[in-house]
Amino acid sequence: PYIYPWSNDAQGRPVTVEVNLVLHKILQVDLQKGTLALQVWLRQRWFDPRMAWNESEWGGVKKLFFRMTEEQKEVWAPDVTLWNGPDGVLPNMEPQMAGLTSDGYFYWARNGHMDTSC
């Protein structure tokens, strides 16, 4: 796992990442292989105080978007892994832009499929 280079409090506690997984559809159940294929939405939210800005100093800009693909991330993002999956989570998710609000909160939602052992 990555170690995030800063903390959002004086005690040095790690960054809190909210993760939400929404099941959209069960694509396949393979009883012989013991696998399950799912269509899902993966949503993540975290706070980065280094990325906050004063809207009035930047022409009223309230939100920015950053490219977030497996090959190129323009900003730090949490590493999410499915422990009992044959592949990682990121290769099977559609690339989506991450939104950043002026208060320093990121929101990144991606759809895709997830294969897991059952």
N, C-alpha and C. Protein backbone atom coordinates (compact mmCIF):
# COMPACT_ATOMS: atom_id res chain seq x y z
N PRO A 1 0.82 -1.19 0.00
CA PRO A 1 0.00 0.00 0.00
C PRO A 1 0.87 1.26 0.00
N TYR A 2 0.31 2.32 -0.56
CA TYR A 2 1.01 3.60 -0.57
C TYR A 2 0.88 4.27 0.79
N ILE A 3 1.90 4.99 1.18
CA ILE A 3 1.82 5.80 2.39
C ILE A 3 1.60 7.23 1.93
N TYR A 4 0.54 7.82 2.39
CA TYR A 4 0.21 9.17 1.96
C TYR A 4 1.18 10.14 2.61
N PRO A 5 1.72 11.12 1.89
CA PRO A 5 2.80 11.96 2.38
C PRO A 5 2.41 13.03 3.39
N TRP A 6 1.17 13.11 3.81
CA TRP A 6 0.77 14.12 4.78
C TRP A 6 -0.36 13.58 5.63
N SER A 7 -0.66 14.28 6.67
CA SER A 7 -1.78 13.92 7.52
C SER A 7 -2.66 15.15 7.67
N ASN A 8 -3.94 14.94 7.91
CA ASN A 8 -4.84 16.08 8.05
C ASN A 8 -5.06 16.48 9.51
N ASP A 9 -4.20 16.00 10.40
CA ASP A 9 -4.28 16.47 11.78
C ASP A 9 -2.89 16.42 12.43
N ALA A 10 -2.77 17.02 13.60
CA ALA A 10 -1.48 17.13 14.28
C ALA A 10 -0.98 15.80 14.83
N GLN A 11 -1.86 14.83 15.01
CA GLN A 11 -1.46 13.53 15.55
C GLN A 11 -0.87 12.61 14.48
N GLY A 12 -0.91 13.00 13.23
CA GLY A 12 -0.32 12.19 12.17
C GLY A 12 -1.16 10.99 11.78
N ARG A 13 -2.44 11.04 12.03
CA ARG A 13 -3.31 9.92 11.66
C ARG A 13 -3.46 9.84 10.14
N PRO A 14 -3.72 8.66 9.61
CA PRO A 14 -3.85 8.50 8.15
C PRO A 14 -5.11 9.19 7.61
N VAL A 15 -5.11 9.37 6.31
CA VAL A 15 -6.25 9.98 5.63
C VAL A 15 -7.43 9.01 5.62
N THR A 16 -8.60 9.52 5.89
CA THR A 16 -9.82 8.71 5.83
C THR A 16 -10.35 8.74 4.41
N VAL A 17 -10.59 7.57 3.86
CA VAL A 17 -11.14 7.44 2.51
C VAL A 17 -12.49 6.74 2.63
N GLU A 18 -13.52 7.41 2.14
CA GLU A 18 -14.85 6.80 2.12
C GLU A 18 -14.98 6.01 0.82
N VAL A 19 -15.35 4.73 0.94
CA VAL A 19 -15.50 3.87 -0.22
C VAL A 19 -16.92 3.33 -0.25
N ASN A 20 -17.51 3.40 -1.43
CA ASN A 20 -18.88 2.93 -1.62
C ASN A 20 -18.89 2.06 -2.86
N LEU A 21 -19.40 0.85 -2.73
CA LEU A 21 -19.51 -0.06 -3.86
C LEU A 21 -20.98 -0.38 -4.08
N VAL A 22 -21.48 -0.06 -5.28
CA VAL A 22 -22.89 -0.27 -5.60
C VAL A 22 -22.98 -1.39 -6.64
N LEU A 23 -23.70 -2.44 -6.31
CA LEU A 23 -23.90 -3.55 -7.23
C LEU A 23 -24.97 -3.17 -8.25
N HIS A 24 -24.60 -3.21 -9.51
CA HIS A 24 -25.55 -2.90 -10.58
C HIS A 24 -26.16 -4.19 -11.15
N LYS A 25 -25.29 -5.19 -11.39
CA LYS A 25 -25.78 -6.41 -12.02
C LYS A 25 -24.82 -7.57 -11.73
N ILE A 26 -25.36 -8.76 -11.55
CA ILE A 26 -24.54 -9.98 -11.49
C ILE A 26 -24.41 -10.48 -12.92
N LEU A 27 -23.20 -10.47 -13.44
CA LEU A 27 -22.97 -10.85 -14.83
C LEU A 27 -22.85 -12.36 -15.02
N GLN A 28 -22.15 -13.01 -14.08
CA GLN A 28 -21.93 -14.45 -14.24
C GLN A 28 -21.56 -15.08 -12.91
N VAL A 29 -22.05 -16.29 -12.69
CA VAL A 29 -21.66 -17.10 -11.55
C VAL A 29 -21.12 -18.40 -12.11
N ASP A 30 -19.87 -18.70 -11.82
CA ASP A 30 -19.24 -19.94 -12.29
C ASP A 30 -18.97 -20.82 -11.07
N LEU A 31 -19.84 -21.80 -10.84
CA LEU A 31 -19.72 -22.64 -9.66
C LEU A 31 -18.50 -23.55 -9.71
N GLN A 32 -18.12 -24.01 -10.91
CA GLN A 32 -16.95 -24.89 -11.02
C GLN A 32 -15.66 -24.15 -10.70
N LYS A 33 -15.53 -22.93 -11.18
CA LYS A 33 -14.32 -22.14 -10.91
C LYS A 33 -14.42 -21.38 -9.58
N GLY A 34 -15.62 -21.26 -9.07
CA GLY A 34 -15.82 -20.51 -7.83
C GLY A 34 -15.62 -19.02 -8.02
N THR A 35 -16.12 -18.48 -9.14
CA THR A 35 -15.95 -17.06 -9.41
C THR A 35 -17.30 -16.39 -9.63
N LEU A 36 -17.28 -15.09 -9.43
CA LEU A 36 -18.47 -14.26 -9.57
C LEU A 36 -18.06 -13.00 -10.33
N ALA A 37 -18.78 -12.67 -11.40
CA ALA A 37 -18.51 -11.46 -12.17
C ALA A 37 -19.63 -10.47 -11.92
N LEU A 38 -19.26 -9.23 -11.56
CA LEU A 38 -20.23 -8.22 -11.19
C LEU A 38 -20.04 -6.95 -11.99
N GLN A 39 -21.13 -6.26 -12.26
CA GLN A 39 -21.10 -4.90 -12.82
C GLN A 39 -21.34 -3.97 -11.64
N VAL A 40 -20.42 -3.04 -11.38
CA VAL A 40 -20.50 -2.22 -10.18
C VAL A 40 -20.19 -0.75 -10.46
N TRP A 41 -20.51 0.09 -9.50
CA TRP A 41 -20.05 1.47 -9.41
C TRP A 41 -19.17 1.54 -8.17
N LEU A 42 -17.95 2.04 -8.33
CA LEU A 42 -17.03 2.23 -7.21
C LEU A 42 -16.90 3.73 -6.99
N ARG A 43 -17.24 4.17 -5.79
CA ARG A 43 -17.19 5.59 -5.46
C ARG A 43 -16.23 5.80 -4.30
N GLN A 44 -15.40 6.84 -4.41
CA GLN A 44 -14.45 7.15 -3.35
C GLN A 44 -14.49 8.65 -3.06
N ARG A 45 -14.28 8.99 -1.80
CA ARG A 45 -14.24 10.40 -1.39
C ARG A 45 -13.15 10.54 -0.33
N TRP A 46 -12.33 11.59 -0.46
CA TRP A 46 -11.28 11.86 0.52
C TRP A 46 -10.98 13.34 0.55
N PHE A 47 -10.28 13.76 1.60
CA PHE A 47 -9.97 15.17 1.82
C PHE A 47 -8.46 15.37 1.70
N ASP A 48 -8.07 16.39 0.92
CA ASP A 48 -6.66 16.77 0.77
C ASP A 48 -6.56 18.28 1.00
N PRO A 49 -6.15 18.70 2.20
CA PRO A 49 -6.13 20.13 2.51
C PRO A 49 -5.16 20.92 1.64
N ARG A 50 -4.19 20.26 1.05
CA ARG A 50 -3.23 20.95 0.17
C ARG A 50 -3.89 21.44 -1.11
N MET A 51 -5.04 20.87 -1.47
CA MET A 51 -5.71 21.19 -2.73
C MET A 51 -6.86 22.17 -2.57
N ALA A 52 -7.10 22.66 -1.35
CA ALA A 52 -8.18 23.62 -1.12
C ALA A 52 -7.76 25.01 -1.60
N TRP A 53 -8.74 25.82 -1.99
CA TRP A 53 -8.47 27.18 -2.42
C TRP A 53 -9.64 28.09 -2.05
N ASN A 54 -9.36 29.39 -2.07
CA ASN A 54 -10.38 30.39 -1.79
C ASN A 54 -11.05 30.75 -3.12
N GLU A 55 -12.33 30.47 -3.23
CA GLU A 55 -13.06 30.69 -4.48
C GLU A 55 -13.00 32.15 -4.94
N SER A 56 -13.07 33.08 -4.00
CA SER A 56 -13.08 34.50 -4.37
C SER A 56 -11.74 34.95 -4.96
N GLU A 57 -10.66 34.27 -4.62
CA GLU A 57 -9.34 34.61 -5.16
C GLU A 57 -9.11 34.01 -6.55
N TRP A 58 -9.98 33.10 -6.96
CA TRP A 58 -9.82 32.41 -8.25
C TRP A 58 -11.05 32.55 -9.12
N GLY A 59 -11.63 33.71 -9.13
CA GLY A 59 -12.73 34.02 -10.05
C GLY A 59 -14.00 33.24 -9.81
N GLY A 60 -14.24 32.79 -8.59
CA GLY A 60 -15.46 32.05 -8.28
C GLY A 60 -15.43 30.59 -8.69
N VAL A 61 -14.24 30.05 -9.04
CA VAL A 61 -14.14 28.64 -9.42
C VAL A 61 -14.44 27.78 -8.20
N LYS A 62 -15.43 26.90 -8.33
CA LYS A 62 -15.86 26.06 -7.22
C LYS A 62 -15.41 24.61 -7.34
N LYS A 63 -15.14 24.16 -8.57
CA LYS A 63 -14.83 22.75 -8.77
C LYS A 63 -13.86 22.58 -9.93
N LEU A 64 -12.93 21.64 -9.78
CA LEU A 64 -11.99 21.27 -10.83
C LEU A 64 -12.12 19.77 -11.08
N PHE A 65 -11.67 19.34 -12.26
CA PHE A 65 -11.69 17.92 -12.60
C PHE A 65 -10.30 17.48 -13.03
N PHE A 66 -9.92 16.25 -12.65
CA PHE A 66 -8.61 15.71 -12.95
C PHE A 66 -8.74 14.37 -13.65
N ARG A 67 -7.83 14.14 -14.61
CA ARG A 67 -7.78 12.86 -15.32
C ARG A 67 -7.28 11.78 -14.36
N MET A 68 -8.00 10.66 -14.33
CA MET A 68 -7.63 9.57 -13.44
C MET A 68 -7.74 8.25 -14.20
N THR A 69 -6.66 7.83 -14.82
CA THR A 69 -6.62 6.54 -15.50
C THR A 69 -5.57 5.69 -14.81
N GLU A 70 -5.55 4.42 -15.14
CA GLU A 70 -4.55 3.54 -14.53
C GLU A 70 -3.13 3.97 -14.92
N GLU A 71 -2.97 4.44 -16.13
CA GLU A 71 -1.65 4.83 -16.62
C GLU A 71 -1.23 6.21 -16.14
N GLN A 72 -2.20 7.10 -15.94
CA GLN A 72 -1.87 8.48 -15.60
C GLN A 72 -2.87 9.05 -14.62
N LYS A 73 -2.37 9.44 -13.47
CA LYS A 73 -3.20 10.14 -12.50
C LYS A 73 -2.57 11.50 -12.28
N GLU A 74 -3.38 12.54 -12.41
CA GLU A 74 -2.86 13.89 -12.26
C GLU A 74 -2.72 14.30 -10.80
N VAL A 75 -3.37 13.58 -9.90
CA VAL A 75 -3.27 13.83 -8.46
C VAL A 75 -3.24 12.49 -7.72
N TRP A 76 -2.88 12.51 -6.44
CA TRP A 76 -2.86 11.29 -5.64
C TRP A 76 -4.28 10.75 -5.51
N ALA A 77 -4.40 9.44 -5.55
CA ALA A 77 -5.69 8.77 -5.34
C ALA A 77 -5.45 7.52 -4.49
N PRO A 78 -6.41 7.16 -3.66
CA PRO A 78 -6.27 5.95 -2.84
C PRO A 78 -6.17 4.70 -3.71
N ASP A 79 -5.40 3.75 -3.25
CA ASP A 79 -5.22 2.47 -3.93
C ASP A 79 -6.24 1.49 -3.36
N VAL A 80 -7.18 1.04 -4.17
CA VAL A 80 -8.22 0.11 -3.74
C VAL A 80 -7.96 -1.23 -4.39
N THR A 81 -7.97 -2.28 -3.57
CA THR A 81 -7.69 -3.62 -4.07
C THR A 81 -8.75 -4.60 -3.58
N LEU A 82 -9.15 -5.50 -4.45
CA LEU A 82 -10.06 -6.58 -4.07
C LEU A 82 -9.18 -7.78 -3.72
N TRP A 83 -9.18 -8.18 -2.46
CA TRP A 83 -8.26 -9.22 -1.99
C TRP A 83 -8.48 -10.56 -2.66
N ASN A 84 -9.71 -10.93 -2.90
CA ASN A 84 -9.97 -12.26 -3.47
C ASN A 84 -10.34 -12.20 -4.94
N GLY A 85 -9.77 -11.25 -5.64
CA GLY A 85 -10.03 -11.13 -7.07
C GLY A 85 -8.81 -11.52 -7.89
N PRO A 86 -9.01 -12.15 -9.05
CA PRO A 86 -7.89 -12.54 -9.89
C PRO A 86 -7.16 -11.35 -10.51
N ASP A 87 -7.87 -10.27 -10.75
CA ASP A 87 -7.29 -9.04 -11.29
C ASP A 87 -7.43 -7.96 -10.24
N GLY A 88 -6.72 -6.88 -10.43
CA GLY A 88 -6.91 -5.73 -9.56
C GLY A 88 -8.23 -5.06 -9.87
N VAL A 89 -8.57 -4.06 -9.11
CA VAL A 89 -9.82 -3.32 -9.32
C VAL A 89 -9.68 -2.34 -10.48
N LEU A 90 -8.59 -1.59 -10.53
CA LEU A 90 -8.45 -0.51 -11.51
C LEU A 90 -8.49 -0.95 -12.97
N PRO A 91 -7.84 -2.06 -13.36
CA PRO A 91 -7.86 -2.41 -14.78
C PRO A 91 -9.25 -2.66 -15.35
N ASN A 92 -10.21 -2.98 -14.51
CA ASN A 92 -11.55 -3.31 -14.97
C ASN A 92 -12.55 -2.18 -14.83
N MET A 93 -12.08 -1.01 -14.39
CA MET A 93 -12.96 0.14 -14.21
C MET A 93 -12.77 1.12 -15.36
N GLU A 94 -13.86 1.75 -15.76
CA GLU A 94 -13.80 2.75 -16.82
C GLU A 94 -13.07 3.98 -16.30
N PRO A 95 -12.25 4.60 -17.14
CA PRO A 95 -11.58 5.83 -16.69
C PRO A 95 -12.60 6.96 -16.54
N GLN A 96 -12.53 7.65 -15.43
CA GLN A 96 -13.43 8.77 -15.14
C GLN A 96 -12.64 9.90 -14.53
N MET A 97 -13.14 11.10 -14.68
CA MET A 97 -12.52 12.26 -14.07
C MET A 97 -12.88 12.31 -12.59
N ALA A 98 -11.93 12.75 -11.76
CA ALA A 98 -12.20 12.96 -10.34
C ALA A 98 -12.51 14.43 -10.12
N GLY A 99 -13.53 14.70 -9.35
CA GLY A 99 -13.92 16.07 -9.05
C GLY A 99 -13.28 16.54 -7.76
N LEU A 100 -12.86 17.79 -7.72
CA LEU A 100 -12.27 18.41 -6.53
C LEU A 100 -13.01 19.70 -6.26
N THR A 101 -13.56 19.84 -5.05
CA THR A 101 -14.24 21.07 -4.67
C THR A 101 -13.27 21.99 -3.95
N SER A 102 -13.61 23.25 -3.88
CA SER A 102 -12.70 24.25 -3.32
C SER A 102 -12.35 24.01 -1.85
N ASP A 103 -13.14 23.22 -1.14
CA ASP A 103 -12.82 22.92 0.26
C ASP A 103 -11.84 21.77 0.41
N GLY A 104 -11.35 21.21 -0.72
CA GLY A 104 -10.32 20.17 -0.66
C GLY A 104 -10.83 18.75 -0.70
N TYR A 105 -12.12 18.56 -0.99
CA TYR A 105 -12.67 17.20 -1.06
C TYR A 105 -12.69 16.68 -2.49
N PHE A 106 -12.19 15.46 -2.65
CA PHE A 106 -12.22 14.77 -3.94
C PHE A 106 -13.39 13.80 -3.94
N TYR A 107 -14.00 13.62 -5.13
CA TYR A 107 -15.03 12.61 -5.34
C TYR A 107 -14.72 11.93 -6.67
N TRP A 108 -14.58 10.60 -6.63
CA TRP A 108 -14.21 9.85 -7.83
C TRP A 108 -15.12 8.64 -7.94
N ALA A 109 -15.96 8.62 -8.97
CA ALA A 109 -16.91 7.51 -9.18
C ALA A 109 -16.58 6.85 -10.52
N ARG A 110 -16.49 5.53 -10.52
CA ARG A 110 -16.20 4.78 -11.75
C ARG A 110 -17.10 3.57 -11.83
N ASN A 111 -17.49 3.25 -13.05
CA ASN A 111 -18.25 2.02 -13.28
C ASN A 111 -17.34 1.01 -13.96
N GLY A 112 -17.69 -0.25 -13.83
CA GLY A 112 -16.89 -1.28 -14.46
C GLY A 112 -17.30 -2.66 -13.96
N HIS A 113 -16.47 -3.64 -14.24
CA HIS A 113 -16.79 -4.97 -13.75
C HIS A 113 -15.71 -5.45 -12.79
N MET A 114 -16.14 -6.34 -11.90
CA MET A 114 -15.27 -6.86 -10.87
C MET A 114 -15.43 -8.37 -10.85
N ASP A 115 -14.32 -9.08 -10.92
CA ASP A 115 -14.33 -10.53 -10.81
C ASP A 115 -13.81 -10.90 -9.43
N THR A 116 -14.50 -11.80 -8.76
CA THR A 116 -14.10 -12.18 -7.43
C THR A 116 -14.28 -13.68 -7.22
N SER A 117 -13.54 -14.21 -6.28
CA SER A 117 -13.71 -15.62 -5.88
C SER A 117 -14.84 -15.69 -4.88
N CYS A 118 -15.60 -16.78 -4.95
CA CYS A 118 -16.70 -16.91 -3.98
C CYS A 118 -16.67 -18.28 -3.34
